Amino acid sequence: NAVGILKDADVICEAFDAADSKAMLINTVRS
């Protein structure tokens, strides 16, 4: 669901606690 939620953002801030969630978001946005 990340792309659908984030597609209209100019900048995305990652603010998670868990390392796996951080990695998922970064990798999804970058790819």
ModelCIF file with pLDDT and N, C-alpha, C, O atoms, coordinates in Angstrom:
data_MODEL
#
_entry.id   MODEL 
#
_entity.id                         1 
_entity.type                       polymer 
_entity.pdbx_number_of_molecules   1 
#
_entity_poly.entity_id                      1 
_entity_poly.type                           'polypeptide(L)' 
_entity_poly.nstd_linkage                   no 
_entity_poly.nstd_monomer                   no 
_entity_poly.pdbx_seq_one_letter_code       NAVGILKDADVICEAFDAADSKAMLINTVRS 
_entity_poly.pdbx_seq_one_letter_code_can   NAVGILKDADVICEAFDAADSKAMLINTVRS 
_entity_poly.pdbx_strand_id                 A 
#
loop_
_entity_poly_seq.entity_id 
_entity_poly_seq.num 
_entity_poly_seq.mon_id 
_entity_poly_seq.hetero 
1 1  ASN n 
1 2  ALA n 
1 3  VAL n 
1 4  GLY n 
1 5  ILE n 
1 6  LEU n 
1 7  LYS n 
1 8  ASP n 
1 9  ALA n 
1 10 ASP n 
1 11 VAL n 
1 12 ILE n 
1 13 CYS n 
1 14 GLU n 
1 15 ALA n 
1 16 PHE n 
1 17 ASP n 
1 18 ALA n 
1 19 ALA n 
1 20 ASP n 
1 21 SER n 
1 22 LYS n 
1 23 ALA n 
1 24 MET n 
1 25 LEU n 
1 26 ILE n 
1 27 ASN n 
1 28 THR n 
1 29 VAL n 
1 30 ARG n 
1 31 SER n 
#
_struct_asym.id          A 
_struct_asym.entity_id   1 
#
loop_
_ma_qa_metric.id 
_ma_qa_metric.mode 
_ma_qa_metric.name 
_ma_qa_metric.software_group_id 
_ma_qa_metric.type 
1 global pLDDT . pLDDT 
2 local  pLDDT . pLDDT 
#
_ma_qa_metric_global.metric_id      1 
_ma_qa_metric_global.metric_value   96.52 
_ma_qa_metric_global.model_id       1 
_ma_qa_metric_global.ordinal_id     1 
#
loop_
_ma_qa_metric_local.label_asym_id 
_ma_qa_metric_local.label_comp_id 
_ma_qa_metric_local.label_seq_id 
_ma_qa_metric_local.metric_id 
_ma_qa_metric_local.metric_value 
_ma_qa_metric_local.model_id 
_ma_qa_metric_local.ordinal_id 
A ASN 1  2 98.00 1 1  
A ALA 2  2 98.00 1 2  
A VAL 3  2 98.00 1 3  
A GLY 4  2 98.00 1 4  
A ILE 5  2 98.00 1 5  
A LEU 6  2 98.00 1 6  
A LYS 7  2 97.00 1 7  
A ASP 8  2 98.00 1 8  
A ALA 9  2 98.00 1 9  
A ASP 10 2 98.00 1 10 
A VAL 11 2 98.00 1 11 
A ILE 12 2 98.00 1 12 
A CYS 13 2 98.00 1 13 
A GLU 14 2 98.00 1 14 
A ALA 15 2 98.00 1 15 
A PHE 16 2 96.00 1 16 
A ASP 17 2 88.00 1 17 
A ALA 18 2 89.00 1 18 
A ALA 19 2 90.00 1 19 
A ASP 20 2 94.00 1 20 
A SER 21 2 95.00 1 21 
A LYS 22 2 96.00 1 22 
A ALA 23 2 96.00 1 23 
A MET 24 2 97.00 1 24 
A LEU 25 2 98.00 1 25 
A ILE 26 2 98.00 1 26 
A ASN 27 2 97.00 1 27 
A THR 28 2 97.00 1 28 
A VAL 29 2 98.00 1 29 
A ARG 30 2 97.00 1 30 
A SER 31 2 97.00 1 31 
#
loop_
_atom_site.group_PDB 
_atom_site.id 
_atom_site.type_symbol 
_atom_site.label_atom_id 
_atom_site.label_alt_id 
_atom_site.label_comp_id 
_atom_site.label_asym_id 
_atom_site.label_entity_id 
_atom_site.label_seq_id 
_atom_site.pdbx_PDB_ins_code 
_atom_site.Cartn_x 
_atom_site.Cartn_y 
_atom_site.Cartn_z 
_atom_site.occupancy 
_atom_site.B_iso_or_equiv 
_atom_site.pdbx_formal_charge 
_atom_site.auth_seq_id 
_atom_site.auth_comp_id 
_atom_site.auth_asym_id 
_atom_site.auth_atom_id 
_atom_site.pdbx_PDB_model_num 
ATOM 1   N N  . ASN A 1 1  ? 0.799  -1.235 0.000  1.00 98.00 ? 1  ASN A N  1 
ATOM 2   C CA . ASN A 1 1  ? 0.000  0.000  0.000  1.00 98.00 ? 1  ASN A CA 1 
ATOM 3   C C  . ASN A 1 1  ? 0.830  1.283  0.000  1.00 98.00 ? 1  ASN A C  1 
ATOM 4   O O  . ASN A 1 1  ? 0.273  2.374  -0.124 1.00 98.00 ? 1  ASN A O  1 
ATOM 5   N N  . ALA A 1 2  ? 2.152  1.168  0.137  1.00 98.00 ? 2  ALA A N  1 
ATOM 6   C CA . ALA A 1 2  ? 2.997  2.354  0.305  1.00 98.00 ? 2  ALA A CA 1 
ATOM 7   C C  . ALA A 1 2  ? 2.886  3.326  -0.869 1.00 98.00 ? 2  ALA A C  1 
ATOM 8   O O  . ALA A 1 2  ? 2.739  4.531  -0.662 1.00 98.00 ? 2  ALA A O  1 
ATOM 9   N N  . VAL A 1 3  ? 2.954  2.822  -2.076 1.00 98.00 ? 3  VAL A N  1 
ATOM 10  C CA . VAL A 1 3  ? 2.940  3.703  -3.243 1.00 98.00 ? 3  VAL A CA 1 
ATOM 11  C C  . VAL A 1 3  ? 1.638  4.486  -3.319 1.00 98.00 ? 3  VAL A C  1 
ATOM 12  O O  . VAL A 1 3  ? 1.648  5.689  -3.582 1.00 98.00 ? 3  VAL A O  1 
ATOM 13  N N  . GLY A 1 4  ? 0.521  3.811  -3.091 1.00 98.00 ? 4  GLY A N  1 
ATOM 14  C CA . GLY A 1 4  ? -0.768 4.486  -3.134 1.00 98.00 ? 4  GLY A CA 1 
ATOM 15  C C  . GLY A 1 4  ? -0.901 5.564  -2.078 1.00 98.00 ? 4  GLY A C  1 
ATOM 16  O O  . GLY A 1 4  ? -1.501 6.610  -2.326 1.00 98.00 ? 4  GLY A O  1 
ATOM 17  N N  . ILE A 1 5  ? -0.348 5.321  -0.905 1.00 98.00 ? 5  ILE A N  1 
ATOM 18  C CA . ILE A 1 5  ? -0.445 6.285  0.185  1.00 98.00 ? 5  ILE A CA 1 
ATOM 19  C C  . ILE A 1 5  ? 0.501  7.462  -0.022 1.00 98.00 ? 5  ILE A C  1 
ATOM 20  O O  . ILE A 1 5  ? 0.163  8.594  0.325  1.00 98.00 ? 5  ILE A O  1 
ATOM 21  N N  . LEU A 1 6  ? 1.678  7.208  -0.580 1.00 98.00 ? 6  LEU A N  1 
ATOM 22  C CA . LEU A 1 6  ? 2.743  8.205  -0.616 1.00 98.00 ? 6  LEU A CA 1 
ATOM 23  C C  . LEU A 1 6  ? 2.890  8.934  -1.946 1.00 98.00 ? 6  LEU A C  1 
ATOM 24  O O  . LEU A 1 6  ? 3.685  9.869  -2.041 1.00 98.00 ? 6  LEU A O  1 
ATOM 25  N N  . LYS A 1 7  ? 2.158  8.539  -2.960 1.00 97.00 ? 7  LYS A N  1 
ATOM 26  C CA . LYS A 1 7  ? 2.393  9.039  -4.311 1.00 97.00 ? 7  LYS A CA 1 
ATOM 27  C C  . LYS A 1 7  ? 2.227  10.553 -4.452 1.00 97.00 ? 7  LYS A C  1 
ATOM 28  O O  . LYS A 1 7  ? 2.829  11.152 -5.343 1.00 97.00 ? 7  LYS A O  1 
ATOM 29  N N  . ASP A 1 8  ? 1.428  11.178 -3.596 1.00 98.00 ? 8  ASP A N  1 
ATOM 30  C CA . ASP A 1 8  ? 1.196  12.615 -3.714 1.00 98.00 ? 8  ASP A CA 1 
ATOM 31  C C  . ASP A 1 8  ? 2.136  13.455 -2.852 1.00 98.00 ? 8  ASP A C  1 
ATOM 32  O O  . ASP A 1 8  ? 2.066  14.684 -2.878 1.00 98.00 ? 8  ASP A O  1 
ATOM 33  N N  . ALA A 1 9  ? 3.013  12.804 -2.088 1.00 98.00 ? 9  ALA A N  1 
ATOM 34  C CA . ALA A 1 9  ? 3.909  13.543 -1.199 1.00 98.00 ? 9  ALA A CA 1 
ATOM 35  C C  . ALA A 1 9  ? 5.110  14.091 -1.962 1.00 98.00 ? 9  ALA A C  1 
ATOM 36  O O  . ALA A 1 9  ? 5.644  13.432 -2.854 1.00 98.00 ? 9  ALA A O  1 
ATOM 37  N N  . ASP A 1 10 ? 5.528  15.294 -1.606 1.00 98.00 ? 10 ASP A N  1 
ATOM 38  C CA . ASP A 1 10 ? 6.764  15.854 -2.143 1.00 98.00 ? 10 ASP A CA 1 
ATOM 39  C C  . ASP A 1 10 ? 7.971  15.305 -1.385 1.00 98.00 ? 10 ASP A C  1 
ATOM 40  O O  . ASP A 1 10 ? 9.019  15.045 -1.975 1.00 98.00 ? 10 ASP A O  1 
ATOM 41  N N  . VAL A 1 11 ? 7.812  15.133 -0.077 1.00 98.00 ? 11 VAL A N  1 
ATOM 42  C CA . VAL A 1 11 ? 8.867  14.597 0.786  1.00 98.00 ? 11 VAL A CA 1 
ATOM 43  C C  . VAL A 1 11 ? 8.239  13.567 1.705  1.00 98.00 ? 11 VAL A C  1 
ATOM 44  O O  . VAL A 1 11 ? 7.112  13.746 2.167  1.00 98.00 ? 11 VAL A O  1 
ATOM 45  N N  . ILE A 1 12 ? 8.969  12.479 1.973  1.00 98.00 ? 12 ILE A N  1 
ATOM 46  C CA . ILE A 1 12 ? 8.495  11.407 2.839  1.00 98.00 ? 12 ILE A CA 1 
ATOM 47  C C  . ILE A 1 12 ? 9.430  11.306 4.040  1.00 98.00 ? 12 ILE A C  1 
ATOM 48  O O  . ILE A 1 12 ? 10.647 11.227 3.879  1.00 98.00 ? 12 ILE A O  1 
ATOM 49  N N  . CYS A 1 13 ? 8.859  11.308 5.244  1.00 98.00 ? 13 CYS A N  1 
ATOM 50  C CA . CYS A 1 13 ? 9.630  11.165 6.474  1.00 98.00 ? 13 CYS A CA 1 
ATOM 51  C C  . CYS A 1 13 ? 9.418  9.775  7.048  1.00 98.00 ? 13 CYS A C  1 
ATOM 52  O O  . CYS A 1 13 ? 8.284  9.375  7.315  1.00 98.00 ? 13 CYS A O  1 
ATOM 53  N N  . GLU A 1 14 ? 10.489 9.048  7.238  1.00 98.00 ? 14 GLU A N  1 
ATOM 54  C CA . GLU A 1 14 ? 10.446 7.749  7.907  1.00 98.00 ? 14 GLU A CA 1 
ATOM 55  C C  . GLU A 1 14 ? 10.611 7.985  9.397  1.00 98.00 ? 14 GLU A C  1 
ATOM 56  O O  . GLU A 1 14 ? 11.587 8.605  9.818  1.00 98.00 ? 14 GLU A O  1 
ATOM 57  N N  . ALA A 1 15 ? 9.671  7.501  10.205 1.00 98.00 ? 15 ALA A N  1 
ATOM 58  C CA . ALA A 1 15 ? 9.730  7.725  11.647 1.00 98.00 ? 15 ALA A CA 1 
ATOM 59  C C  . ALA A 1 15 ? 9.282  6.477  12.406 1.00 98.00 ? 15 ALA A C  1 
ATOM 60  O O  . ALA A 1 15 ? 8.503  6.560  13.356 1.00 98.00 ? 15 ALA A O  1 
ATOM 61  N N  . PHE A 1 16 ? 9.782  5.328  11.976 1.00 96.00 ? 16 PHE A N  1 
ATOM 62  C CA . PHE A 1 16 ? 9.434  4.054  12.604 1.00 96.00 ? 16 PHE A CA 1 
ATOM 63  C C  . PHE A 1 16 ? 10.430 3.686  13.694 1.00 96.00 ? 16 PHE A C  1 
ATOM 64  O O  . PHE A 1 16 ? 11.534 4.228  13.750 1.00 96.00 ? 16 PHE A O  1 
ATOM 65  N N  . ASP A 1 17 ? 10.027 2.755  14.564 1.00 88.00 ? 17 ASP A N  1 
ATOM 66  C CA . ASP A 1 17 ? 10.927 2.207  15.583 1.00 88.00 ? 17 ASP A CA 1 
ATOM 67  C C  . ASP A 1 17 ? 11.672 0.984  15.067 1.00 88.00 ? 17 ASP A C  1 
ATOM 68  O O  . ASP A 1 17 ? 12.868 0.828  15.314 1.00 88.00 ? 17 ASP A O  1 
ATOM 69  N N  . ALA A 1 18 ? 10.964 0.121  14.353 1.00 89.00 ? 18 ALA A N  1 
ATOM 70  C CA . ALA A 1 18 ? 11.526 -1.169 13.955 1.00 89.00 ? 18 ALA A CA 1 
ATOM 71  C C  . ALA A 1 18 ? 12.421 -1.051 12.718 1.00 89.00 ? 18 ALA A C  1 
ATOM 72  O O  . ALA A 1 18 ? 12.073 -0.384 11.744 1.00 89.00 ? 18 ALA A O  1 
ATOM 73  N N  . ALA A 1 19 ? 13.571 -1.708 12.780 1.00 90.00 ? 19 ALA A N  1 
ATOM 74  C CA . ALA A 1 19 ? 14.532 -1.640 11.680 1.00 90.00 ? 19 ALA A CA 1 
ATOM 75  C C  . ALA A 1 19 ? 13.970 -2.223 10.391 1.00 90.00 ? 19 ALA A C  1 
ATOM 76  O O  . ALA A 1 19 ? 14.246 -1.712 9.305  1.00 90.00 ? 19 ALA A O  1 
ATOM 77  N N  . ASP A 1 20 ? 13.173 -3.303 10.505 1.00 94.00 ? 20 ASP A N  1 
ATOM 78  C CA . ASP A 1 20 ? 12.640 -3.902 9.287  1.00 94.00 ? 20 ASP A CA 1 
ATOM 79  C C  . ASP A 1 20 ? 11.623 -2.984 8.606  1.00 94.00 ? 20 ASP A C  1 
ATOM 80  O O  . ASP A 1 20 ? 11.539 -2.952 7.378  1.00 94.00 ? 20 ASP A O  1 
ATOM 81  N N  . SER A 1 21 ? 10.858 -2.243 9.395  1.00 95.00 ? 21 SER A N  1 
ATOM 82  C CA . SER A 1 21 ? 9.909  -1.291 8.815  1.00 95.00 ? 21 SER A CA 1 
ATOM 83  C C  . SER A 1 21 ? 10.638 -0.129 8.142  1.00 95.00 ? 21 SER A C  1 
ATOM 84  O O  . SER A 1 21 ? 10.235 0.338  7.077  1.00 95.00 ? 21 SER A O  1 
ATOM 85  N N  . LYS A 1 22 ? 11.708 0.328  8.776  1.00 96.00 ? 22 LYS A N  1 
ATOM 86  C CA . LYS A 1 22 ? 12.529 1.384  8.177  1.00 96.00 ? 22 LYS A CA 1 
ATOM 87  C C  . LYS A 1 22 ? 13.073 0.930  6.830  1.00 96.00 ? 22 LYS A C  1 
ATOM 88  O O  . LYS A 1 22 ? 12.968 1.649  5.836  1.00 96.00 ? 22 LYS A O  1 
ATOM 89  N N  . ALA A 1 23 ? 13.652 -0.260 6.800  1.00 96.00 ? 23 ALA A N  1 
ATOM 90  C CA . ALA A 1 23 ? 14.247 -0.780 5.569  1.00 96.00 ? 23 ALA A CA 1 
ATOM 91  C C  . ALA A 1 23 ? 13.194 -0.968 4.484  1.00 96.00 ? 23 ALA A C  1 
ATOM 92  O O  . ALA A 1 23 ? 13.436 -0.663 3.316  1.00 96.00 ? 23 ALA A O  1 
ATOM 93  N N  . MET A 1 24 ? 12.016 -1.475 4.874  1.00 97.00 ? 24 MET A N  1 
ATOM 94  C CA . MET A 1 24 ? 10.947 -1.665 3.894  1.00 97.00 ? 24 MET A CA 1 
ATOM 95  C C  . MET A 1 24 ? 10.563 -0.352 3.237  1.00 97.00 ? 24 MET A C  1 
ATOM 96  O O  . MET A 1 24 ? 10.447 -0.270 2.014  1.00 97.00 ? 24 MET A O  1 
ATOM 97  N N  . LEU A 1 25 ? 10.365 0.682  4.061  1.00 98.00 ? 25 LEU A N  1 
ATOM 98  C CA . LEU A 1 25 ? 9.917  1.966  3.515  1.00 98.00 ? 25 LEU A CA 1 
ATOM 99  C C  . LEU A 1 25 ? 10.984 2.579  2.611  1.00 98.00 ? 25 LEU A C  1 
ATOM 100 O O  . LEU A 1 25 ? 10.689 3.039  1.508  1.00 98.00 ? 25 LEU A O  1 
ATOM 101 N N  . ILE A 1 26 ? 12.206 2.580  3.084  1.00 98.00 ? 26 ILE A N  1 
ATOM 102 C CA . ILE A 1 26 ? 13.297 3.168  2.287  1.00 98.00 ? 26 ILE A CA 1 
ATOM 103 C C  . ILE A 1 26 ? 13.440 2.432  0.961  1.00 98.00 ? 26 ILE A C  1 
ATOM 104 O O  . ILE A 1 26 ? 13.530 3.060  -0.094 1.00 98.00 ? 26 ILE A O  1 
ATOM 105 N N  . ASN A 1 27 ? 13.462 1.111  1.010  1.00 97.00 ? 27 ASN A N  1 
ATOM 106 C CA . ASN A 1 27 ? 13.634 0.329  -0.216 1.00 97.00 ? 27 ASN A CA 1 
ATOM 107 C C  . ASN A 1 27 ? 12.462 0.515  -1.177 1.00 97.00 ? 27 ASN A C  1 
ATOM 108 O O  . ASN A 1 27 ? 12.653 0.597  -2.391 1.00 97.00 ? 27 ASN A O  1 
ATOM 109 N N  . THR A 1 28 ? 11.254 0.579  -0.631 1.00 97.00 ? 28 THR A N  1 
ATOM 110 C CA . THR A 1 28 ? 10.073 0.756  -1.484 1.00 97.00 ? 28 THR A CA 1 
ATOM 111 C C  . THR A 1 28 ? 10.091 2.121  -2.160 1.00 97.00 ? 28 THR A C  1 
ATOM 112 O O  . THR A 1 28 ? 9.841  2.227  -3.361 1.00 97.00 ? 28 THR A O  1 
ATOM 113 N N  . VAL A 1 29 ? 10.384 3.156  -1.395 1.00 98.00 ? 29 VAL A N  1 
ATOM 114 C CA . VAL A 1 29 ? 10.419 4.500  -1.977 1.00 98.00 ? 29 VAL A CA 1 
ATOM 115 C C  . VAL A 1 29 ? 11.531 4.618  -3.010 1.00 98.00 ? 29 VAL A C  1 
ATOM 116 O O  . VAL A 1 29 ? 11.325 5.168  -4.092 1.00 98.00 ? 29 VAL A O  1 
ATOM 117 N N  . ARG A 1 30 ? 12.706 4.102  -2.673 1.00 97.00 ? 30 ARG A N  1 
ATOM 118 C CA . ARG A 1 30 ? 13.848 4.249  -3.588 1.00 97.00 ? 30 ARG A CA 1 
ATOM 119 C C  . ARG A 1 30 ? 13.630 3.471  -4.883 1.00 97.00 ? 30 ARG A C  1 
ATOM 120 O O  . ARG A 1 30 ? 14.102 3.886  -5.941 1.00 97.00 ? 30 ARG A O  1 
ATOM 121 N N  . SER A 1 31 ? 12.916 2.345  -4.807 1.00 97.00 ? 31 SER A N  1 
ATOM 122 C CA . SER A 1 31 ? 12.729 1.525  -6.004 1.00 97.00 ? 31 SER A CA 1 
ATOM 123 C C  . SER A 1 31 ? 11.479 1.898  -6.798 1.00 97.00 ? 31 SER A C  1 
ATOM 124 O O  . SER A 1 31 ? 11.200 1.287  -7.830 1.00 97.00 ? 31 SER A O  1 
#
